[in-house]
Amino acid sequence: MSTFAIIETGGKQYKVSAGDKIKIEKISRKVGESFDFDKVLLKADGASVEVGAPYLTGVKVEATVLRQARDKKKIVFRYHPKTRYRKKKGHRQFFTEVQIGKI
């Protein structure tokens, strides 16, 4: 069984392992910059599991920024039948893609 951790960033939780590429909410880092996630909720390594209350102390997950971009367009459409009410709006969310290093 491989080592993995559950981290919290941008109000969401992600299960990550070494070498994973994940899309997270936009953070203000430059492409190629390395940083650490310090909000680690859980760390599992084979049979040993550490659970934080709410976070683990002394455990960090290293990551490197791969790119800053915008996601595909999501259509927001509001419709009320029988009243000629229609509103169509598009939205593209900013995100940061990171590569997970060691845990």
C-alpha atoms as a PDB file:
ATOM      1  CA  MET A   1       0.000   0.000   0.000  1.00  0.00           C
ATOM      2  CA  SER A   2       1.359   3.432  -0.916  1.00  0.00           C
ATOM      3  CA  THR A   3       1.784   6.506   1.216  1.00  0.00           C
ATOM      4  CA  PHE A   4      -0.906   9.136   0.887  1.00  0.00           C
ATOM      5  CA  ALA A   5      -2.133  12.194   2.734  1.00  0.00           C
ATOM      6  CA  ILE A   6      -5.295  14.266   2.883  1.00  0.00           C
ATOM      7  CA  ILE A   7      -4.641  17.994   2.649  1.00  0.00           C
ATOM      8  CA  GLU A   8      -6.902  21.028   2.896  1.00  0.00           C
ATOM      9  CA  THR A   9      -6.594  24.044   0.622  1.00  0.00           C
ATOM     10  CA  GLY A  10      -9.096  26.530  -0.746  1.00  0.00           C
ATOM     11  CA  GLY A  11     -11.853  25.176   1.494  1.00  0.00           C
ATOM     12  CA  LYS A  12     -11.607  21.720  -0.096  1.00  0.00           C
ATOM     13  CA  GLN A  13      -9.889  18.455   0.826  1.00  0.00           C
ATOM     14  CA  TYR A  14      -7.704  16.413  -1.530  1.00  0.00           C
ATOM     15  CA  LYS A  15      -6.233  12.916  -1.265  1.00  0.00           C
ATOM     16  CA  VAL A  16      -2.663  13.121  -2.607  1.00  0.00           C
ATOM     17  CA  SER A  17       0.285  10.798  -3.139  1.00  0.00           C
ATOM     18  CA  ALA A  18       3.831  11.547  -4.279  1.00  0.00           C
ATOM     19  CA  GLY A  19       3.900  12.346  -8.000  1.00  0.00           C
ATOM     20  CA  ASP A  20       0.211  13.310  -8.306  1.00  0.00           C
ATOM     21  CA  LYS A  21      -0.921  16.305 -10.379  1.00  0.00           C
ATOM     22  CA  ILE A  22      -3.979  18.060  -8.958  1.00  0.00           C
ATOM     23  CA  LYS A  23      -6.017  21.168  -9.771  1.00  0.00           C
ATOM     24  CA  ILE A  24      -6.689  23.342  -6.742  1.00  0.00           C
ATOM     25  CA  GLU A  25      -8.290  26.729  -6.177  1.00  0.00           C
ATOM     26  CA  LYS A  26      -6.062  29.579  -7.384  1.00  0.00           C
ATOM     27  CA  ILE A  27      -3.170  30.468  -5.099  1.00  0.00           C
ATOM     28  CA  SER A  28      -0.752  33.349  -5.593  1.00  0.00           C
ATOM     29  CA  ARG A  29       2.427  31.466  -6.538  1.00  0.00           C
ATOM     30  CA  LYS A  30       4.586  31.675  -9.660  1.00  0.00           C
ATOM     31  CA  VAL A  31       5.019  28.804 -12.115  1.00  0.00           C
ATOM     32  CA  GLY A  32       7.931  26.589 -11.035  1.00  0.00           C
ATOM     33  CA  GLU A  33       7.816  27.784  -7.428  1.00  0.00           C
ATOM     34  CA  SER A  34       7.910  25.147  -4.676  1.00  0.00           C
ATOM     35  CA  PHE A  35       5.918  25.414  -1.456  1.00  0.00           C
ATOM     36  CA  ASP A  36       4.501  23.262   1.348  1.00  0.00           C
ATOM     37  CA  PHE A  37       0.950  22.388   2.313  1.00  0.00           C
ATOM     38  CA  ASP A  38       0.912  22.550   6.124  1.00  0.00           C
ATOM     39  CA  LYS A  39      -2.791  21.779   6.629  1.00  0.00           C
ATOM     40  CA  VAL A  40      -2.477  17.982   6.593  1.00  0.00           C
ATOM     41  CA  LEU A  41      -5.536  16.213   8.011  1.00  0.00           C
ATOM     42  CA  LEU A  42      -4.389  12.590   7.654  1.00  0.00           C
ATOM     43  CA  LYS A  43      -1.254  10.682   6.718  1.00  0.00           C
ATOM     44  CA  ALA A  44      -1.293   6.966   5.907  1.00  0.00           C
ATOM     45  CA  ASP A  45       1.823   4.861   5.305  1.00  0.00           C
ATOM     46  CA  GLY A  46       0.993   1.192   4.890  1.00  0.00           C
ATOM     47  CA  ALA A  47      -0.518  -0.019   8.153  1.00  0.00           C
ATOM     48  CA  SER A  48       0.221   3.144  10.159  1.00  0.00           C
ATOM     49  CA  VAL A  49      -2.340   5.937  10.003  1.00  0.00           C
ATOM     50  CA  GLU A  50      -1.984   9.335  11.681  1.00  0.00           C
ATOM     51  CA  VAL A  51      -5.098  11.480  12.096  1.00  0.00           C
ATOM     52  CA  GLY A  52      -4.908  15.131  13.113  1.00  0.00           C
ATOM     53  CA  ALA A  53      -7.225  17.052  15.380  1.00  0.00           C
ATOM     54  CA  PRO A  54      -7.830  18.942  13.095  1.00  0.00           C
ATOM     55  CA  TYR A  55      -4.296  19.109  11.592  1.00  0.00           C
ATOM     56  CA  LEU A  56      -1.135  17.059  12.063  1.00  0.00           C
ATOM     57  CA  THR A  57       1.824  18.939  13.529  1.00  0.00           C
ATOM     58  CA  GLY A  58       5.217  18.559  11.896  1.00  0.00           C
ATOM     59  CA  VAL A  59       3.830  16.946   8.723  1.00  0.00           C
ATOM     60  CA  LYS A  60       4.080  18.803   5.417  1.00  0.00           C
ATOM     61  CA  VAL A  61       3.390  17.958   1.790  1.00  0.00           C
ATOM     62  CA  GLU A  62       5.785  19.472  -0.748  1.00  0.00           C
ATOM     63  CA  ALA A  63       4.366  20.761  -4.034  1.00  0.00           C
ATOM     64  CA  THR A  64       5.497  22.601  -7.170  1.00  0.00           C
ATOM     65  CA  VAL A  65       3.317  24.893  -9.277  1.00  0.00           C
ATOM     66  CA  LEU A  66       2.985  23.608 -12.855  1.00  0.00           C
ATOM     67  CA  ARG A  67       0.605  26.214 -14.290  1.00  0.00           C
ATOM     68  CA  GLN A  68      -1.932  28.934 -13.549  1.00  0.00           C
ATOM     69  CA  ALA A  69      -4.963  28.783 -15.847  1.00  0.00           C
ATOM     70  CA  ARG A  70      -8.730  28.975 -16.210  1.00  0.00           C
ATOM     71  CA  ASP A  71     -11.039  25.974 -16.373  1.00  0.00           C
ATOM     72  CA  LYS A  72     -13.557  25.141 -19.106  1.00  0.00           C
ATOM     73  CA  LYS A  73     -16.613  27.388 -19.333  1.00  0.00           C
ATOM     74  CA  LYS A  74     -19.553  26.401 -17.165  1.00  0.00           C
ATOM     75  CA  ILE A  75     -22.969  27.565 -18.335  1.00  0.00           C
ATOM     76  CA  VAL A  76     -25.302  29.063 -15.719  1.00  0.00           C
ATOM     77  CA  PHE A  77     -28.842  29.037 -17.094  1.00  0.00           C
ATOM     78  CA  ARG A  78     -31.901  30.218 -15.183  1.00  0.00           C
ATOM     79  CA  TYR A  79     -35.338  29.459 -16.529  1.00  0.00           C
ATOM     80  CA  HIS A  80     -38.870  30.033 -15.288  1.00  0.00           C
ATOM     81  CA  PRO A  81     -41.535  28.311 -17.344  1.00  0.00           C
ATOM     82  CA  LYS A  82     -44.564  30.223 -18.622  1.00  0.00           C
ATOM     83  CA  THR A  83     -43.103  33.657 -17.787  1.00  0.00           C
ATOM     84  CA  ARG A  84     -40.572  34.236 -20.604  1.00  0.00           C
ATOM     85  CA  TYR A  85     -37.764  34.365 -18.027  1.00  0.00           C
ATOM     86  CA  ARG A  86     -34.430  33.096 -19.339  1.00  0.00           C
ATOM     87  CA  LYS A  87     -30.939  34.127 -18.291  1.00  0.00           C
ATOM     88  CA  LYS A  88     -27.787  32.572 -19.699  1.00  0.00           C
ATOM     89  CA  LYS A  89     -24.388  33.316 -18.231  1.00  0.00           C
ATOM     90  CA  GLY A  90     -20.960  31.678 -18.555  1.00  0.00           C
ATOM     91  CA  HIS A  91     -18.245  31.332 -15.916  1.00  0.00           C
ATOM     92  CA  ARG A  92     -14.605  30.248 -16.082  1.00  0.00           C
ATOM     93  CA  GLN A  93     -12.960  29.491 -12.735  1.00  0.00           C
ATOM     94  CA  PHE A  94      -9.254  30.210 -12.153  1.00  0.00           C
ATOM     95  CA  PHE A  95      -7.185  27.268 -10.897  1.00  0.00           C
ATOM     96  CA  THR A  96      -3.613  26.287 -10.086  1.00  0.00           C
ATOM     97  CA  GLU A  97      -2.202  22.928 -11.177  1.00  0.00           C
ATOM     98  CA  VAL A  98       0.403  21.508  -8.780  1.00  0.00           C
ATOM     99  CA  GLN A  99       2.694  18.485  -8.760  1.00  0.00           C
ATOM    100  CA  ILE A 100       2.969  16.756  -5.377  1.00  0.00           C
ATOM    101  CA  GLY A 101       6.505  16.010  -4.222  1.00  0.00           C
ATOM    102  CA  LYS A 102       7.280  14.020  -1.105  1.00  0.00           C
ATOM    103  CA  ILE A 103       5.053  13.750   1.941  1.00  0.00           C
END
